Amino acid sequence: MTVKVHGAVQPEQLMALLDHTSAAICMRGLDGRYLLVNHEFERQFDLRREAIVGRTDHDLFPAEMADSFRASDLLAIAEGQPVRMEETAPGDPGSRTYLTVKFPLLDTDQQPYAICGISTDITERKNAEEQVRRLNAELEDRVTQRTAELEVTTRELDAFAYSVSHDLRAPLRSLAGFSEILLEDYADVLDEAGRGYLARIEANAARMARMIDDLLDLSRATRAELRREHVDLSALAREVVEELREAEPDRQATVEIAGGLTAYGDSHLVRLVLLNLVGNAWKFTARQEPAVIRVDALGGPGPPVFAVHDNGAGFDMRYAAKLFDPFQRSHSSSDFEGTGIGLAIVYRIVQRHGGRVWAKSEPGQGATFFFTLADEPVPPWRGEG
């Protein structure tokens, strides 16, 4: 499309263009006297152009404001190029903030003969930024206060947990001890049913003691401070297996532990993960001949995926969603002993390390538990944030 231009742009046309912009525009001579203002400038300062043209900022505005306007004019003239700044001026209601660009007009000899200013009202944006800053400060204060409250609550819960565990262990030891005395010293006056009842009391006291220990482990897994370091998972797994063999010296099981398994995490908590996962594999292969347990890692991109395999009882994957909830069991206690807390401990520890844990299994076909831990921290020289 061809546009025909009929003559040069007339001054009144240029003025009409300036009057229809949303920015306040003005032009002043080198002596600071106004040569031109547009309608938006009139509106913002509530002055008619007839009262502005020919006068200086010191004639129109308070001395401090006029000094600021004049200083920015002189800066733009000295620079010889556009200068960007924020300016404050009176408005309704209160003062207004403007983003202003000032630039000198140059003659044919490249000498300045006037200064122009284009100002955009950014008061609402500045108010919004200030409100966001204030809200962020308030939120930070609230987070700090809430964190302090949570730390106090956590210490109180820890103290309560240990106090309760201590208070519960004493009567449990008493129950177990008196049951054992009755079985040993009064066996001749008890019938088979009575001896069975005492044996059940003793067994349940022992089970409750294990549950208290597991609950304390769950508490530590949730709230203990993480002390991350390089961890030798292969060595930890071998220690766990040695403890299991010492507890059941007659148990026959083939345990294969891959060498060179390393991670970055809290060694005490990572050991607790292996104690529960390898311990479960040991427990659920008790009726399997031959029993085989394997600890290794899967290759691939991303952080290593560690795996504990067994060829034991397995479980139905329909119940996998609740597998890591406290007190959830995939087998009855009459088939396999346990408190139902071990996998919840594993989940909490892995989650706190920034990893995840999941399982694959079929009834009677064994099970594999997988878990990851967060990558090692980036060395400072690689630009860690």
Protein backbone atom coordinates (compact mmCIF):
# COMPACT_ATOMS: atom_id res chain seq x y z
CA MET A 1 0.00 0.00 0.00
CA THR A 2 1.34 3.42 -0.98
CA VAL A 3 0.87 6.40 1.36
CA LYS A 4 0.93 9.85 -0.20
CA VAL A 5 2.35 12.66 1.91
CA HIS A 6 0.96 16.08 1.10
CA GLY A 7 3.61 18.46 2.38
CA ALA A 8 5.59 18.55 5.64
CA VAL A 9 4.11 17.95 9.08
CA GLN A 10 2.73 21.21 10.44
CA PRO A 11 3.42 22.41 14.00
CA GLU A 12 -0.26 22.10 14.93
CA GLN A 13 -0.25 18.49 13.73
CA LEU A 14 2.81 17.73 15.84
CA MET A 15 1.18 19.40 18.83
CA ALA A 16 -2.00 17.37 18.32
CA LEU A 17 0.12 14.21 18.34
CA LEU A 18 1.82 15.21 21.60
CA ASP A 19 -1.52 16.13 23.19
CA HIS A 20 -2.89 12.65 22.55
CA THR A 21 -0.08 10.72 24.28
CA SER A 22 -0.45 9.39 27.82
CA ALA A 23 3.01 10.63 28.88
CA ALA A 24 3.69 14.13 30.16
CA ILE A 25 5.95 15.91 27.63
CA CYS A 26 7.74 19.21 27.98
CA MET A 27 10.54 21.18 26.33
CA ARG A 28 12.66 23.79 28.08
CA GLY A 29 15.36 26.13 26.85
CA LEU A 30 18.89 25.99 28.17
CA ASP A 31 17.92 28.75 30.61
CA GLY A 32 15.24 26.46 32.09
CA ARG A 33 12.21 28.34 30.68
CA TYR A 34 9.38 26.21 29.33
CA LEU A 35 8.95 26.30 25.56
CA LEU A 36 6.24 23.64 25.22
CA VAL A 37 4.04 21.29 27.29
CA ASN A 38 1.31 18.85 26.24
CA HIS A 39 -2.15 18.24 27.70
CA GLU A 40 -0.97 15.40 29.97
CA PHE A 41 1.62 17.71 31.52
CA GLU A 42 -1.16 20.27 32.15
CA ARG A 43 -3.39 17.63 33.68
CA GLN A 44 -0.75 16.11 35.94
CA PHE A 45 0.33 19.44 37.38
CA ASP A 46 -3.10 21.10 37.19
CA LEU A 47 -1.70 24.09 35.28
CA ARG A 48 -2.65 25.68 31.97
CA ARG A 49 0.10 25.88 29.38
CA GLU A 50 -0.40 29.64 29.18
CA ALA A 51 0.71 29.77 32.81
CA ILE A 52 3.69 27.49 32.18
CA VAL A 53 5.34 28.55 28.92
CA GLY A 54 8.02 31.19 29.51
CA ARG A 55 8.44 30.35 33.17
CA THR A 56 10.96 28.14 34.99
CA ASP A 57 10.51 25.27 37.46
CA HIS A 58 11.43 27.65 40.27
CA ASP A 59 8.46 29.82 39.25
CA LEU A 60 6.05 26.89 39.39
CA PHE A 61 7.19 24.35 42.01
CA PRO A 62 8.68 24.25 45.51
CA ALA A 63 12.39 25.07 45.62
CA GLU A 64 13.57 21.53 46.47
CA MET A 65 11.57 20.00 43.61
CA ALA A 66 12.63 22.74 41.18
CA ASP A 67 16.29 22.21 42.13
CA SER A 68 15.91 18.47 41.41
CA PHE A 69 14.27 19.09 38.01
CA ARG A 70 16.96 21.61 37.04
CA ALA A 71 19.78 19.29 38.13
CA SER A 72 18.46 16.47 35.95
CA ASP A 73 18.14 18.88 33.00
CA LEU A 74 21.76 19.93 33.36
CA LEU A 75 22.85 16.29 33.66
CA ALA A 76 21.16 15.38 30.36
CA ILE A 77 22.71 18.44 28.67
CA ALA A 78 26.17 17.54 30.00
CA GLU A 79 25.82 13.91 28.94
CA GLY A 80 24.65 14.88 25.47
CA GLN A 81 22.40 11.81 25.33
CA PRO A 82 19.16 10.50 26.89
CA VAL A 83 19.21 10.15 30.68
CA ARG A 84 16.70 7.96 32.52
CA MET A 85 15.59 8.79 36.07
CA GLU A 86 12.76 8.70 38.58
CA GLU A 87 11.20 12.00 39.66
CA THR A 88 8.68 12.88 42.34
CA ALA A 89 6.10 15.65 42.00
CA PRO A 90 2.97 16.72 43.91
CA GLY A 91 -0.30 15.13 42.85
CA ASP A 92 -3.82 14.30 43.94
CA PRO A 93 -3.80 12.60 46.36
CA GLY A 94 -0.23 12.80 47.66
CA SER A 95 2.95 12.87 45.61
CA ARG A 96 3.34 11.05 42.30
CA THR A 97 6.37 9.19 40.95
CA TYR A 98 7.39 9.47 37.30
CA LEU A 99 9.81 7.54 35.15
CA THR A 100 11.38 10.32 33.09
CA VAL A 101 13.63 10.29 30.05
CA LYS A 102 15.40 13.59 29.35
CA PHE A 103 17.46 14.30 26.26
CA PRO A 104 19.01 17.43 24.68
CA LEU A 105 17.93 18.79 21.30
CA LEU A 106 20.96 19.53 19.13
CA ASP A 107 21.39 22.09 16.38
CA THR A 108 23.22 21.55 13.09
CA ASP A 109 26.54 22.07 14.89
CA GLN A 110 25.58 19.34 17.37
CA GLN A 111 25.22 21.87 20.14
CA PRO A 112 22.31 21.65 22.59
CA TYR A 113 19.70 24.38 22.35
CA ALA A 114 16.86 22.86 24.40
CA ILE A 115 16.06 19.95 26.73
CA CYS A 116 13.05 17.62 26.34
CA GLY A 117 11.44 15.47 29.00
CA ILE A 118 9.00 12.55 28.65
CA SER A 119 7.50 11.42 31.95
CA THR A 120 5.34 8.34 32.59
CA ASP A 121 3.38 8.07 35.83
CA ILE A 122 4.55 4.91 37.64
CA THR A 123 3.01 5.74 41.01
CA GLU A 124 0.69 2.71 41.00
CA ARG A 125 3.55 0.40 40.08
CA LYS A 126 5.76 1.84 42.83
CA ASN A 127 2.92 1.50 45.34
CA ALA A 128 2.43 -2.12 44.27
CA GLU A 129 6.17 -2.80 44.61
CA GLU A 130 6.16 -1.25 48.06
CA GLN A 131 3.16 -3.33 49.07
CA VAL A 132 4.86 -6.50 47.82
CA ARG A 133 8.03 -5.55 49.72
CA ARG A 134 6.02 -4.91 52.89
CA LEU A 135 4.09 -8.17 52.51
CA ASN A 136 7.33 -10.08 51.91
CA ALA A 137 8.81 -8.53 55.03
CA GLU A 138 5.71 -9.46 57.03
CA LEU A 139 5.77 -12.98 55.58
CA GLU A 140 9.45 -13.34 56.44
CA ASP A 141 8.72 -12.23 60.00
CA ARG A 142 5.86 -14.73 60.23
CA VAL A 143 8.02 -17.54 58.83
CA THR A 144 10.78 -16.71 61.30
CA GLN A 145 8.28 -16.67 64.17
CA ARG A 146 6.61 -19.88 63.00
CA THR A 147 9.98 -21.59 62.55
CA ALA A 148 10.95 -20.65 66.09
CA GLU A 149 7.61 -21.98 67.37
CA LEU A 150 8.08 -25.23 65.43
CA GLU A 151 11.59 -25.64 66.82
CA VAL A 152 10.24 -25.27 70.35
CA THR A 153 7.42 -27.72 69.57
CA THR A 154 9.88 -30.18 68.04
CA ARG A 155 12.09 -30.08 71.13
CA GLU A 156 9.04 -30.58 73.32
CA LEU A 157 7.87 -33.52 71.17
CA ASP A 158 11.31 -35.10 71.29
CA ALA A 159 11.44 -34.72 75.06
CA PHE A 160 7.92 -36.12 75.34
CA ALA A 161 8.72 -39.07 73.08
CA TYR A 162 11.80 -40.05 75.06
CA SER A 163 10.00 -39.53 78.35
CA VAL A 164 7.06 -41.68 77.26
CA SER A 165 9.35 -44.37 75.88
CA HIS A 166 11.24 -44.47 79.17
CA ASP A 167 8.03 -44.56 81.21
CA LEU A 168 6.57 -47.31 79.00
CA ARG A 169 9.65 -49.50 79.02
CA ALA A 170 9.67 -49.85 82.81
CA PRO A 171 6.22 -51.52 83.09
CA LEU A 172 6.96 -53.59 79.98
CA ARG A 173 10.14 -54.92 81.55
CA SER A 174 8.13 -55.66 84.67
CA LEU A 175 5.49 -57.55 82.68
CA ALA A 176 8.10 -59.58 80.82
CA GLY A 177 10.11 -60.25 83.98
CA PHE A 178 7.17 -61.43 86.11
CA SER A 179 5.89 -63.55 83.23
CA GLU A 180 9.28 -65.25 83.00
CA ILE A 181 9.36 -65.79 86.79
CA LEU A 182 5.88 -67.34 86.72
CA LEU A 183 6.88 -69.66 83.87
CA GLU A 184 10.07 -70.73 85.66
CA ASP A 185 8.96 -70.91 89.31
CA TYR A 186 5.29 -71.82 89.04
CA ALA A 187 5.22 -73.97 85.95
CA ASP A 188 4.21 -77.02 88.03
CA VAL A 189 1.02 -75.33 89.28
CA LEU A 190 0.00 -73.91 85.91
CA ASP A 191 -1.74 -75.93 83.29
CA GLU A 192 -0.83 -75.75 79.60
CA ALA A 193 -3.37 -72.97 78.94
CA GLY A 194 -1.96 -70.83 81.78
CA ARG A 195 1.61 -71.27 80.51
CA GLY A 196 0.39 -70.33 77.03
CA TYR A 197 -1.20 -67.14 78.32
CA LEU A 198 2.02 -66.12 80.09
CA ALA A 199 4.04 -66.84 76.95
CA ARG A 200 1.68 -64.61 74.96
CA ILE A 201 2.03 -61.82 77.56
CA GLU A 202 5.81 -62.10 77.31
CA ALA A 203 5.74 -62.09 73.50
CA ASN A 204 3.43 -59.08 73.32
CA ALA A 205 5.54 -57.16 75.84
CA ALA A 206 8.56 -57.79 73.63
CA ARG A 207 6.57 -56.71 70.56
CA MET A 208 5.49 -53.49 72.26
CA ALA A 209 9.11 -52.77 73.23
CA ARG A 210 10.09 -53.16 69.56
CA MET A 211 7.24 -50.84 68.59
CA ILE A 212 8.49 -48.19 71.02
CA ASP A 213 11.95 -48.45 69.48
CA ASP A 214 10.47 -48.15 65.98
CA LEU A 215 8.40 -45.12 66.94
CA LEU A 216 11.51 -43.44 68.32
CA ASP A 217 13.31 -44.24 65.06
CA LEU A 218 10.38 -42.73 63.15
CA SER A 219 10.62 -39.60 65.31
CA ARG A 220 14.36 -39.32 64.66
CA ALA A 221 13.85 -39.91 60.93
CA THR A 222 11.36 -37.04 60.82
CA ARG A 223 13.09 -34.42 62.96
CA ALA A 224 16.76 -35.28 63.40
CA GLU A 225 19.22 -32.81 61.89
CA LEU A 226 20.73 -34.14 58.66
CA ARG A 227 24.52 -34.43 58.70
CA ARG A 228 25.34 -35.16 55.06
CA GLU A 229 28.56 -36.88 54.07
CA HIS A 230 29.83 -39.50 51.63
CA VAL A 231 28.33 -42.83 52.66
CA ASP A 232 29.60 -46.32 51.77
CA LEU A 233 26.31 -48.18 51.26
CA SER A 234 28.09 -51.46 50.53
CA ALA A 235 29.84 -51.37 53.91
CA LEU A 236 26.63 -50.38 55.73
CA ALA A 237 24.72 -53.22 54.05
CA ARG A 238 27.40 -55.73 55.09
CA GLU A 239 27.18 -54.49 58.70
CA VAL A 240 23.39 -54.94 58.68
CA VAL A 241 23.66 -58.48 57.29
CA GLU A 242 26.30 -59.38 59.90
CA GLU A 243 23.92 -58.22 62.67
CA LEU A 244 21.08 -60.28 61.19
CA ARG A 245 23.28 -63.40 61.01
CA GLU A 246 24.42 -62.90 64.62
CA ALA A 247 20.78 -62.69 65.74
CA GLU A 248 19.90 -65.88 63.80
CA PRO A 249 23.11 -67.92 63.48
CA ASP A 250 21.25 -70.99 62.16
CA ARG A 251 19.57 -69.09 59.36
CA GLN A 252 20.73 -70.02 55.86
CA ALA A 253 20.52 -67.22 53.28
CA THR A 254 22.61 -66.10 50.34
CA VAL A 255 23.21 -62.36 50.48
CA GLU A 256 24.91 -60.62 47.56
CA ILE A 257 26.05 -57.02 48.09
CA ALA A 258 27.49 -55.11 45.15
CA GLY A 259 30.72 -53.29 45.83
CA GLY A 260 31.27 -49.58 45.36
CA LEU A 261 27.76 -48.45 46.31
CA THR A 262 28.14 -44.88 47.52
CA ALA A 263 25.77 -42.00 48.22
CA TYR A 264 25.67 -38.60 49.87
CA GLY A 265 23.56 -38.39 53.00
CA ASP A 266 23.31 -38.83 56.75
CA SER A 267 25.13 -42.09 57.44
CA HIS A 268 23.09 -42.93 60.56
CA LEU A 269 19.76 -42.43 58.81
CA VAL A 270 20.88 -44.16 55.60
CA ARG A 271 21.94 -47.12 57.75
CA LEU A 272 18.42 -47.13 59.19
CA VAL A 273 17.04 -47.34 55.63
CA LEU A 274 19.18 -50.41 54.91
CA LEU A 275 18.42 -51.93 58.31
CA ASN A 276 14.71 -51.86 57.51
CA LEU A 277 14.87 -52.85 53.83
CA VAL A 278 17.46 -55.60 54.21
CA GLY A 279 15.79 -56.64 57.48
CA ASN A 280 12.46 -57.01 55.66
CA ALA A 281 14.11 -59.05 52.92
CA TRP A 282 15.68 -61.26 55.61
CA LYS A 283 12.33 -61.68 57.37
CA PHE A 284 10.21 -62.40 54.29
CA THR A 285 12.64 -65.01 52.90
CA ALA A 286 12.57 -67.04 56.14
CA ARG A 287 10.45 -69.78 54.52
CA GLN A 288 12.20 -69.71 51.17
CA GLU A 289 14.69 -72.39 50.11
CA PRO A 290 17.12 -71.20 49.00
CA ALA A 291 16.75 -67.66 50.37
CA VAL A 292 18.47 -65.07 48.18
CA ILE A 293 18.89 -61.35 48.96
CA ARG A 294 20.71 -58.91 46.70
CA VAL A 295 21.70 -55.27 47.27
CA ASP A 296 22.85 -53.34 44.19
CA ALA A 297 22.25 -50.21 42.12
CA LEU A 298 20.75 -49.60 38.70
CA GLY A 299 22.65 -47.65 36.06
CA GLY A 300 21.28 -44.76 34.05
CA PRO A 301 21.11 -40.96 34.06
CA GLY A 302 20.40 -39.01 37.23
CA PRO A 303 21.17 -40.05 40.81
CA PRO A 304 21.84 -43.77 41.34
CA VAL A 305 18.85 -46.00 42.07
CA PHE A 306 19.66 -48.41 44.88
CA ALA A 307 17.74 -51.68 45.06
CA VAL A 308 17.17 -54.41 47.64
CA HIS A 309 15.87 -57.63 46.00
CA ASP A 310 14.62 -60.79 47.65
CA ASN A 311 12.90 -64.00 46.52
CA GLY A 312 10.59 -64.16 49.54
CA ALA A 313 6.86 -63.94 50.17
CA GLY A 314 6.25 -60.80 48.10
CA PHE A 315 2.99 -58.83 48.26
CA ASP A 316 0.05 -57.71 46.15
CA MET A 317 0.80 -54.43 44.32
CA ARG A 318 -2.83 -53.36 44.83
CA TYR A 319 -1.78 -52.38 48.35
CA ALA A 320 1.44 -50.62 47.32
CA ALA A 321 -0.07 -47.13 47.81
CA LYS A 322 -0.34 -47.70 51.57
CA LEU A 323 2.90 -49.61 51.90
CA PHE A 324 4.82 -46.69 53.45
CA ASP A 325 2.10 -45.56 55.88
CA PRO A 326 2.75 -46.24 59.58
CA PHE A 327 1.23 -49.44 60.98
CA GLN A 328 0.33 -50.76 57.50
CA ARG A 329 1.24 -54.41 56.99
CA SER A 330 1.15 -56.53 53.85
CA HIS A 331 1.16 -59.76 55.89
CA SER A 332 -0.47 -60.74 59.17
CA SER A 333 1.63 -60.71 62.34
CA SER A 334 0.97 -64.41 62.76
CA ASP A 335 2.81 -65.08 59.47
CA PHE A 336 5.62 -62.56 59.88
CA GLU A 337 6.45 -60.51 62.96
CA GLY A 338 6.73 -56.73 62.74
CA THR A 339 5.29 -53.44 63.89
CA GLY A 340 4.37 -51.97 60.49
CA ILE A 341 6.57 -48.91 61.04
CA GLY A 342 9.79 -49.88 59.26
CA LEU A 343 8.78 -48.79 55.75
CA ALA A 344 7.33 -45.53 57.11
CA ILE A 345 10.78 -44.84 58.59
CA VAL A 346 12.38 -45.59 55.20
CA TYR A 347 9.97 -43.23 53.42
CA ARG A 348 10.59 -40.34 55.85
CA ILE A 349 14.38 -40.67 55.64
CA VAL A 350 14.48 -40.92 51.85
CA GLN A 351 12.06 -38.01 51.49
CA ARG A 352 14.17 -35.81 53.78
CA HIS A 353 17.19 -36.61 51.60
CA GLY A 354 15.36 -35.35 48.53
CA GLY A 355 14.90 -38.83 47.08
CA ARG A 356 12.05 -41.26 46.56
CA VAL A 357 11.27 -44.89 47.34
CA TRP A 358 9.04 -47.41 45.59
CA ALA A 359 8.57 -51.16 45.26
CA LYS A 360 7.72 -53.91 42.78
CA SER A 361 6.45 -57.31 43.81
CA GLU A 362 4.13 -60.25 43.23
CA PRO A 363 2.76 -62.60 45.89
CA GLY A 364 5.15 -65.53 46.24
CA GLN A 365 7.61 -64.03 43.75
CA GLY A 366 9.72 -61.89 46.05
CA ALA A 367 9.99 -58.11 46.17
CA THR A 368 12.34 -55.32 45.14
CA PHE A 369 12.52 -52.01 46.93
CA PHE A 370 14.14 -49.11 45.10
CA PHE A 371 15.27 -45.81 46.56
CA THR A 372 17.24 -42.73 45.53
CA LEU A 373 18.98 -40.02 47.49
CA ALA A 374 19.75 -36.47 46.36
CA ASP A 375 22.83 -35.83 44.22
CA GLU A 376 26.02 -34.61 45.81
CA PRO A 377 26.27 -30.83 46.28
CA VAL A 378 27.90 -28.90 43.43
CA PRO A 379 31.47 -27.78 44.33
CA PRO A 380 31.70 -23.99 44.89
CA TRP A 381 33.98 -23.53 41.89
CA ARG A 382 31.20 -24.90 39.65
CA GLY A 383 28.89 -22.10 40.68
CA GLU A 384 26.81 -23.53 43.49
CA GLY A 385 23.98 -21.12 44.38
